All heavy atoms as atom14 arrays in JSON, in Angstrom:
{
  "sequence": "PEAVRADPRWQLSEDAYHAELIRGRSPLDDPEEL",
  "atom14_mask": [
    [1, 1, 1, 1, 1, 1, 1, 0, 0, 0, 0, 0, 0, 0],
    [1, 1, 1, 1, 1, 1, 1, 1, 1, 0, 0, 0, 0, 0],
    [1, 1, 1, 1, 1, 0, 0, 0, 0, 0, 0, 0, 0, 0],
    [1, 1, 1, 1, 1, 1, 1, 0, 0, 0, 0, 0, 0, 0],
    [1, 1, 1, 1, 1, 1, 1, 1, 1, 1, 1, 0, 0, 0],
    [1, 1, 1, 1, 1, 0, 0, 0, 0, 0, 0, 0, 0, 0],
    [1, 1, 1, 1, 1, 1, 1, 1, 0, 0, 0, 0, 0, 0],
    [1, 1, 1, 1, 1, 1, 1, 0, 0, 0, 0, 0, 0, 0],
    [1, 1, 1, 1, 1, 1, 1, 1, 1, 1, 1, 0, 0, 0],
    [1, 1, 1, 1, 1, 1, 1, 1, 1, 1, 1, 1, 1, 1],
    [1, 1, 1, 1, 1, 1, 1, 1, 1, 0, 0, 0, 0, 0],
    [1, 1, 1, 1, 1, 1, 1, 1, 0, 0, 0, 0, 0, 0],
    [1, 1, 1, 1, 1, 1, 0, 0, 0, 0, 0, 0, 0, 0],
    [1, 1, 1, 1, 1, 1, 1, 1, 1, 0, 0, 0, 0, 0],
    [1, 1, 1, 1, 1, 1, 1, 1, 0, 0, 0, 0, 0, 0],
    [1, 1, 1, 1, 1, 0, 0, 0, 0, 0, 0, 0, 0, 0],
    [1, 1, 1, 1, 1, 1, 1, 1, 1, 1, 1, 1, 0, 0],
    [1, 1, 1, 1, 1, 1, 1, 1, 1, 1, 0, 0, 0, 0],
    [1, 1, 1, 1, 1, 0, 0, 0, 0, 0, 0, 0, 0, 0],
    [1, 1, 1, 1, 1, 1, 1, 1, 1, 0, 0, 0, 0, 0],
    [1, 1, 1, 1, 1, 1, 1, 1, 0, 0, 0, 0, 0, 0],
    [1, 1, 1, 1, 1, 1, 1, 1, 0, 0, 0, 0, 0, 0],
    [1, 1, 1, 1, 1, 1, 1, 1, 1, 1, 1, 0, 0, 0],
    [1, 1, 1, 1, 0, 0, 0, 0, 0, 0, 0, 0, 0, 0],
    [1, 1, 1, 1, 1, 1, 1, 1, 1, 1, 1, 0, 0, 0],
    [1, 1, 1, 1, 1, 1, 0, 0, 0, 0, 0, 0, 0, 0],
    [1, 1, 1, 1, 1, 1, 1, 0, 0, 0, 0, 0, 0, 0],
    [1, 1, 1, 1, 1, 1, 1, 1, 0, 0, 0, 0, 0, 0],
    [1, 1, 1, 1, 1, 1, 1, 1, 0, 0, 0, 0, 0, 0],
    [1, 1, 1, 1, 1, 1, 1, 1, 0, 0, 0, 0, 0, 0],
    [1, 1, 1, 1, 1, 1, 1, 0, 0, 0, 0, 0, 0, 0],
    [1, 1, 1, 1, 1, 1, 1, 1, 1, 0, 0, 0, 0, 0],
    [1, 1, 1, 1, 1, 1, 1, 1, 1, 0, 0, 0, 0, 0],
    [1, 1, 1, 1, 1, 1, 1, 1, 0, 0, 0, 0, 0, 0]
  ],
  "atom14_positions": [
    [[-17.68, -25.15, 10.28], [-17.32, -25.31, 8.86], [-15.82, -25.25, 8.68], [-15.1, -24.57, 9.45], [-18.0, -24.08, 8.2], [-19.06, -23.65, 9.15], [-18.56, -24.0, 10.53], [0.0, 0.0, 0.0], [0.0, 0.0, 0.0], [0.0, 0.0, 0.0], [0.0, 0.0, 0.0], [0.0, 0.0, 0.0], [0.0, 0.0, 0.0], [0.0, 0.0, 0.0]],
    [[-15.31, -25.94, 7.68], [-13.87, -26.05, 7.49], [-13.21, -24.68, 7.36], [-12.12, -24.44, 7.9], [-13.57, -26.91, 6.25], [-12.1, -27.17, 6.03], [-11.84, -28.1, 4.85], [-12.8, -28.67, 4.31], [-10.66, -28.27, 4.49], [0.0, 0.0, 0.0], [0.0, 0.0, 0.0], [0.0, 0.0, 0.0], [0.0, 0.0, 0.0], [0.0, 0.0, 0.0]],
    [[-13.84, -23.78, 6.6], [-13.25, -22.45, 6.41], [-13.11, -21.69, 7.72], [-12.15, -20.94, 7.92], [-14.1, -21.65, 5.42], [0.0, 0.0, 0.0], [0.0, 0.0, 0.0], [0.0, 0.0, 0.0], [0.0, 0.0, 0.0], [0.0, 0.0, 0.0], [0.0, 0.0, 0.0], [0.0, 0.0, 0.0], [0.0, 0.0, 0.0], [0.0, 0.0, 0.0]],
    [[-14.05, -21.9, 8.62], [-14.01, -21.22, 9.93], [-12.91, -21.84, 10.79], [-12.19, -21.13, 11.5], [-15.37, -21.31, 10.62], [-15.3, -20.78, 12.05], [-16.42, -20.54, 9.83], [0.0, 0.0, 0.0], [0.0, 0.0, 0.0], [0.0, 0.0, 0.0], [0.0, 0.0, 0.0], [0.0, 0.0, 0.0], [0.0, 0.0, 0.0], [0.0, 0.0, 0.0]],
    [[-12.75, -23.16, 10.74], [-11.72, -23.84, 11.54], [-10.32, -23.37, 11.18], [-9.41, -23.44, 12.01], [-11.79, -25.35, 11.33], [-13.0, -26.01, 11.96], [-12.76, -27.51, 12.14], [-12.44, -28.19, 10.89], [-13.33, -28.72, 10.1], [-14.63, -28.65, 10.38], [-12.96, -29.36, 8.99], [0.0, 0.0, 0.0], [0.0, 0.0, 0.0], [0.0, 0.0, 0.0]],
    [[-10.11, -22.91, 9.95], [-8.77, -22.51, 9.51], [-8.3, -21.21, 10.12], [-7.13, -20.85, 10.02], [-8.75, -22.39, 7.98], [0.0, 0.0, 0.0], [0.0, 0.0, 0.0], [0.0, 0.0, 0.0], [0.0, 0.0, 0.0], [0.0, 0.0, 0.0], [0.0, 0.0, 0.0], [0.0, 0.0, 0.0], [0.0, 0.0, 0.0], [0.0, 0.0, 0.0]],
    [[-9.18, -20.46, 10.78], [-8.81, -19.17, 11.38], [-7.79, -19.41, 12.49], [-8.05, -20.18, 13.42], [-10.07, -18.48, 11.91], [-9.82, -17.03, 12.27], [-8.88, -16.73, 13.02], [-10.59, -16.17, 11.78], [0.0, 0.0, 0.0], [0.0, 0.0, 0.0], [0.0, 0.0, 0.0], [0.0, 0.0, 0.0], [0.0, 0.0, 0.0], [0.0, 0.0, 0.0]],
    [[-6.62, -18.73, 12.46], [-5.59, -18.97, 13.49], [-6.01, -18.54, 14.88], [-5.36, -18.95, 15.88], [-4.41, -18.15, 12.99], [-4.98, -17.11, 12.1], [-6.17, -17.76, 11.45], [0.0, 0.0, 0.0], [0.0, 0.0, 0.0], [0.0, 0.0, 0.0], [0.0, 0.0, 0.0], [0.0, 0.0, 0.0], [0.0, 0.0, 0.0], [0.0, 0.0, 0.0]],
    [[-7.06, -17.78, 15.01], [-7.49, -17.37, 16.35], [-7.97, -18.53, 17.2], [-7.94, -18.44, 18.44], [-8.59, -16.29, 16.23], [-8.09, -14.95, 15.72], [-9.2, -13.95, 15.55], [-10.12, -14.36, 14.49], [-11.24, -13.72, 14.2], [-11.6, -12.64, 14.9], [-12.03, -14.13, 13.21], [0.0, 0.0, 0.0], [0.0, 0.0, 0.0], [0.0, 0.0, 0.0]],
    [[-8.4, -19.63, 16.56], [-8.83, -20.78, 17.34], [-7.65, -21.42, 18.07], [-7.84, -22.12, 19.07], [-9.48, -21.82, 16.45], [-10.79, -21.34, 15.86], [-11.02, -21.0, 14.56], [-12.01, -21.11, 16.57], [-12.33, -20.58, 14.41], [-12.95, -20.64, 15.62], [-12.41, -21.28, 17.89], [-14.26, -20.33, 15.97], [-13.71, -20.96, 18.24], [-14.63, -20.5, 17.29]],
    [[-6.45, -21.2, 17.57], [-5.25, -21.74, 18.22], [-4.68, -20.76, 19.26], [-3.63, -21.01, 19.82], [-4.18, -22.05, 17.17], [-4.69, -22.86, 15.99], [-5.37, -24.15, 16.43], [-4.92, -24.81, 17.35], [-6.47, -24.51, 15.74], [0.0, 0.0, 0.0], [0.0, 0.0, 0.0], [0.0, 0.0, 0.0], [0.0, 0.0, 0.0], [0.0, 0.0, 0.0]],
    [[-5.38, -19.66, 19.49], [-4.91, -18.6, 20.4], [-3.51, -18.17, 20.0], [-2.6, -17.98, 20.84], [-4.95, -19.05, 21.86], [-6.34, -19.06, 22.51], [-7.2, -20.19, 21.99], [-6.24, -19.17, 24.03], [0.0, 0.0, 0.0], [0.0, 0.0, 0.0], [0.0, 0.0, 0.0], [0.0, 0.0, 0.0], [0.0, 0.0, 0.0], [0.0, 0.0, 0.0]],
    [[-3.3, -18.02, 18.69], [-2.01, -17.66, 18.16], [-1.65, -16.22, 18.51], [-2.47, -15.31, 18.33], [-2.02, -17.82, 16.63], [-0.97, -17.11, 16.02], [0.0, 0.0, 0.0], [0.0, 0.0, 0.0], [0.0, 0.0, 0.0], [0.0, 0.0, 0.0], [0.0, 0.0, 0.0], [0.0, 0.0, 0.0], [0.0, 0.0, 0.0], [0.0, 0.0, 0.0]],
    [[-0.44, -16.02, 19.0], [0.0, -14.67, 19.33], [0.02, -13.78, 18.09], [-0.31, -12.6, 18.17], [1.37, -14.72, 19.99], [1.81, -13.38, 20.58], [2.98, -13.52, 21.51], [3.34, -14.66, 21.87], [3.55, -12.48, 21.89], [0.0, 0.0, 0.0], [0.0, 0.0, 0.0], [0.0, 0.0, 0.0], [0.0, 0.0, 0.0], [0.0, 0.0, 0.0]],
    [[0.39, -14.35, 16.95], [0.42, -13.57, 15.72], [-0.96, -13.04, 15.34], [-1.1, -11.94, 14.79], [0.97, -14.42, 14.56], [2.45, -14.7, 14.71], [3.11, -14.0, 15.51], [2.95, -15.63, 14.06], [0.0, 0.0, 0.0], [0.0, 0.0, 0.0], [0.0, 0.0, 0.0], [0.0, 0.0, 0.0], [0.0, 0.0, 0.0], [0.0, 0.0, 0.0]],
    [[-2.0, -13.82, 15.63], [-3.35, -13.4, 15.25], [-3.82, -12.21, 16.07], [-4.74, -11.48, 15.65], [-4.31, -14.58, 15.45], [0.0, 0.0, 0.0], [0.0, 0.0, 0.0], [0.0, 0.0, 0.0], [0.0, 0.0, 0.0], [0.0, 0.0, 0.0], [0.0, 0.0, 0.0], [0.0, 0.0, 0.0], [0.0, 0.0, 0.0], [0.0, 0.0, 0.0]],
    [[-3.2, -11.97, 17.21], [-3.6, -10.87, 18.09], [-2.43, -9.9, 18.32], [-2.41, -9.2, 19.33], [-4.09, -11.42, 19.43], [-5.32, -12.27, 19.32], [-5.24, -13.66, 19.25], [-6.58, -11.69, 19.25], [-6.36, -14.44, 19.14], [-7.72, -12.46, 19.13], [-7.61, -13.86, 19.08], [-8.74, -14.61, 18.97], [0.0, 0.0, 0.0], [0.0, 0.0, 0.0]],
    [[-1.5, -9.88, 17.38], [-0.27, -9.12, 17.59], [-0.57, -7.64, 17.92], [-0.01, -7.09, 18.88], [0.62, -9.22, 16.37], [1.89, -8.45, 16.48], [2.96, -8.87, 17.26], [2.27, -7.25, 15.93], [3.92, -7.98, 17.19], [3.56, -6.99, 16.39], [0.0, 0.0, 0.0], [0.0, 0.0, 0.0], [0.0, 0.0, 0.0], [0.0, 0.0, 0.0]],
    [[-1.42, -7.01, 17.13], [-1.68, -5.57, 17.33], [-2.3, -5.3, 18.7], [-1.89, -4.37, 19.4], [-2.59, -5.05, 16.22], [0.0, 0.0, 0.0], [0.0, 0.0, 0.0], [0.0, 0.0, 0.0], [0.0, 0.0, 0.0], [0.0, 0.0, 0.0], [0.0, 0.0, 0.0], [0.0, 0.0, 0.0], [0.0, 0.0, 0.0], [0.0, 0.0, 0.0]],
    [[-3.25, -6.13, 19.09], [-3.91, -5.92, 20.39], [-2.95, -6.17, 21.54], [-2.93, -5.42, 22.53], [-5.12, -6.87, 20.51], [-6.29, -6.54, 19.61], [-6.21, -7.21, 18.26], [-5.1, -7.74, 17.94], [-7.2, -7.21, 17.52], [0.0, 0.0, 0.0], [0.0, 0.0, 0.0], [0.0, 0.0, 0.0], [0.0, 0.0, 0.0], [0.0, 0.0, 0.0]],
    [[-2.12, -7.22, 21.43], [-1.21, -7.55, 22.52], [-0.11, -6.49, 22.67], [0.3, -6.16, 23.79], [-0.6, -8.92, 22.28], [-1.58, -10.09, 22.33], [-0.91, -11.38, 21.9], [-2.15, -10.24, 23.75], [0.0, 0.0, 0.0], [0.0, 0.0, 0.0], [0.0, 0.0, 0.0], [0.0, 0.0, 0.0], [0.0, 0.0, 0.0], [0.0, 0.0, 0.0]],
    [[0.33, -5.94, 21.56], [1.35, -4.87, 21.63], [0.74, -3.61, 22.25], [1.4, -2.92, 23.05], [1.89, -4.56, 20.22], [2.77, -5.73, 19.72], [2.68, -3.26, 20.2], [4.01, -5.95, 20.54], [0.0, 0.0, 0.0], [0.0, 0.0, 0.0], [0.0, 0.0, 0.0], [0.0, 0.0, 0.0], [0.0, 0.0, 0.0], [0.0, 0.0, 0.0]],
    [[-0.5, -3.33, 21.9], [-1.15, -2.12, 22.39], [-1.44, -2.24, 23.88], [-1.43, -1.24, 24.61], [-2.43, -1.89, 21.6], [-2.87, -0.45, 21.53], [-3.84, -0.18, 20.4], [-4.87, -1.21, 20.27], [-5.14, -1.83, 19.13], [-4.46, -1.56, 18.03], [-6.09, -2.74, 19.07], [0.0, 0.0, 0.0], [0.0, 0.0, 0.0], [0.0, 0.0, 0.0]],
    [[-1.72, -3.46, 24.35], [-2.0, -3.66, 25.79], [-3.45, -3.3, 26.15], [-4.3, -3.09, 25.3], [0.0, 0.0, 0.0], [0.0, 0.0, 0.0], [0.0, 0.0, 0.0], [0.0, 0.0, 0.0], [0.0, 0.0, 0.0], [0.0, 0.0, 0.0], [0.0, 0.0, 0.0], [0.0, 0.0, 0.0], [0.0, 0.0, 0.0], [0.0, 0.0, 0.0]],
    [[-3.69, -3.24, 27.42], [-5.03, -2.94, 27.92], [-5.47, -1.56, 27.45], [-4.72, -0.6, 27.48], [-5.07, -2.99, 29.44], [-6.43, -2.71, 30.05], [-6.37, -2.67, 31.55], [-7.58, -2.1, 32.11], [-8.59, -2.8, 32.63], [-8.52, -4.12, 32.65], [-9.64, -2.22, 33.13], [0.0, 0.0, 0.0], [0.0, 0.0, 0.0], [0.0, 0.0, 0.0]],
    [[-6.72, -1.48, 27.01], [-7.25, -0.24, 26.44], [-7.35, 0.84, 27.52], [-7.9, 0.61, 28.61], [-8.64, -0.47, 25.87], [-8.6, -1.38, 24.82], [0.0, 0.0, 0.0], [0.0, 0.0, 0.0], [0.0, 0.0, 0.0], [0.0, 0.0, 0.0], [0.0, 0.0, 0.0], [0.0, 0.0, 0.0], [0.0, 0.0, 0.0], [0.0, 0.0, 0.0]],
    [[-6.83, 2.05, 27.23], [-7.08, 3.15, 28.15], [-8.54, 3.58, 28.04], [-9.14, 3.52, 26.96], [-6.15, 4.25, 27.63], [-5.97, 3.94, 26.18], [-6.02, 2.44, 26.05], [0.0, 0.0, 0.0], [0.0, 0.0, 0.0], [0.0, 0.0, 0.0], [0.0, 0.0, 0.0], [0.0, 0.0, 0.0], [0.0, 0.0, 0.0], [0.0, 0.0, 0.0]],
    [[-9.12, 4.0, 29.14], [-10.54, 4.38, 29.15], [-10.73, 5.89, 29.2], [-11.87, 6.35, 29.3], [-11.23, 3.71, 30.36], [-11.14, 2.19, 30.43], [-11.94, 1.67, 31.62], [-11.62, 1.54, 29.14], [0.0, 0.0, 0.0], [0.0, 0.0, 0.0], [0.0, 0.0, 0.0], [0.0, 0.0, 0.0], [0.0, 0.0, 0.0], [0.0, 0.0, 0.0]],
    [[-9.63, 6.63, 29.12], [-9.75, 8.1, 29.2], [-8.86, 8.79, 28.18], [-8.37, 9.9, 28.42], [-9.41, 8.59, 30.61], [-8.02, 8.13, 31.06], [-7.35, 7.41, 30.29], [-7.61, 8.5, 32.17], [0.0, 0.0, 0.0], [0.0, 0.0, 0.0], [0.0, 0.0, 0.0], [0.0, 0.0, 0.0], [0.0, 0.0, 0.0], [0.0, 0.0, 0.0]],
    [[-8.67, 8.15, 27.02], [-7.84, 8.75, 25.98], [-8.51, 10.03, 25.49], [-9.69, 10.01, 25.09], [-7.66, 7.76, 24.82], [-6.81, 8.34, 23.72], [-7.35, 9.03, 22.84], [-5.59, 8.09, 23.73], [0.0, 0.0, 0.0], [0.0, 0.0, 0.0], [0.0, 0.0, 0.0], [0.0, 0.0, 0.0], [0.0, 0.0, 0.0], [0.0, 0.0, 0.0]],
    [[-7.81, 11.2, 25.5], [-8.45, 12.47, 25.15], [-9.04, 12.49, 23.73], [-10.14, 13.0, 23.53], [-7.31, 13.5, 25.29], [-6.35, 12.86, 26.24], [-6.42, 11.4, 25.98], [0.0, 0.0, 0.0], [0.0, 0.0, 0.0], [0.0, 0.0, 0.0], [0.0, 0.0, 0.0], [0.0, 0.0, 0.0], [0.0, 0.0, 0.0], [0.0, 0.0, 0.0]],
    [[-8.3, 11.94, 22.77], [-8.84, 11.95, 21.41], [-10.06, 11.05, 21.27], [-11.01, 11.39, 20.53], [-7.74, 11.53, 20.43], [-6.62, 12.54, 20.33], [-5.59, 12.15, 19.27], [-5.78, 11.1, 18.62], [-4.61, 12.9, 19.1], [0.0, 0.0, 0.0], [0.0, 0.0, 0.0], [0.0, 0.0, 0.0], [0.0, 0.0, 0.0], [0.0, 0.0, 0.0]],
    [[-10.07, 9.93, 21.97], [-11.23, 9.05, 21.94], [-12.41, 9.67, 22.67], [-13.57, 9.49, 22.26], [-10.87, 7.69, 22.53], [-9.9, 6.91, 21.67], [-9.54, 5.54, 22.27], [-10.29, 5.06, 23.14], [-8.51, 4.99, 21.87], [0.0, 0.0, 0.0], [0.0, 0.0, 0.0], [0.0, 0.0, 0.0], [0.0, 0.0, 0.0], [0.0, 0.0, 0.0]],
    [[-12.15, 10.43, 23.75], [-13.23, 11.14, 24.43], [-13.83, 12.21, 23.51], [-15.07, 12.39, 23.48], [-12.7, 11.79, 25.71], [-12.45, 10.84, 26.88], [-11.62, 11.5, 27.95], [-13.78, 10.35, 27.47], [0.0, 0.0, 0.0], [0.0, 0.0, 0.0], [0.0, 0.0, 0.0], [0.0, 0.0, 0.0], [0.0, 0.0, 0.0], [0.0, 0.0, 0.0]]
  ]
}
């Protein structure tokens, strides 16, 4: 659908994933998350 195509994530835009890319790979032993 046209509305879905407009999502910038389809272009693999760095801006669309800015928070995740800045944070980097998820730690698997974060004390607060444990």
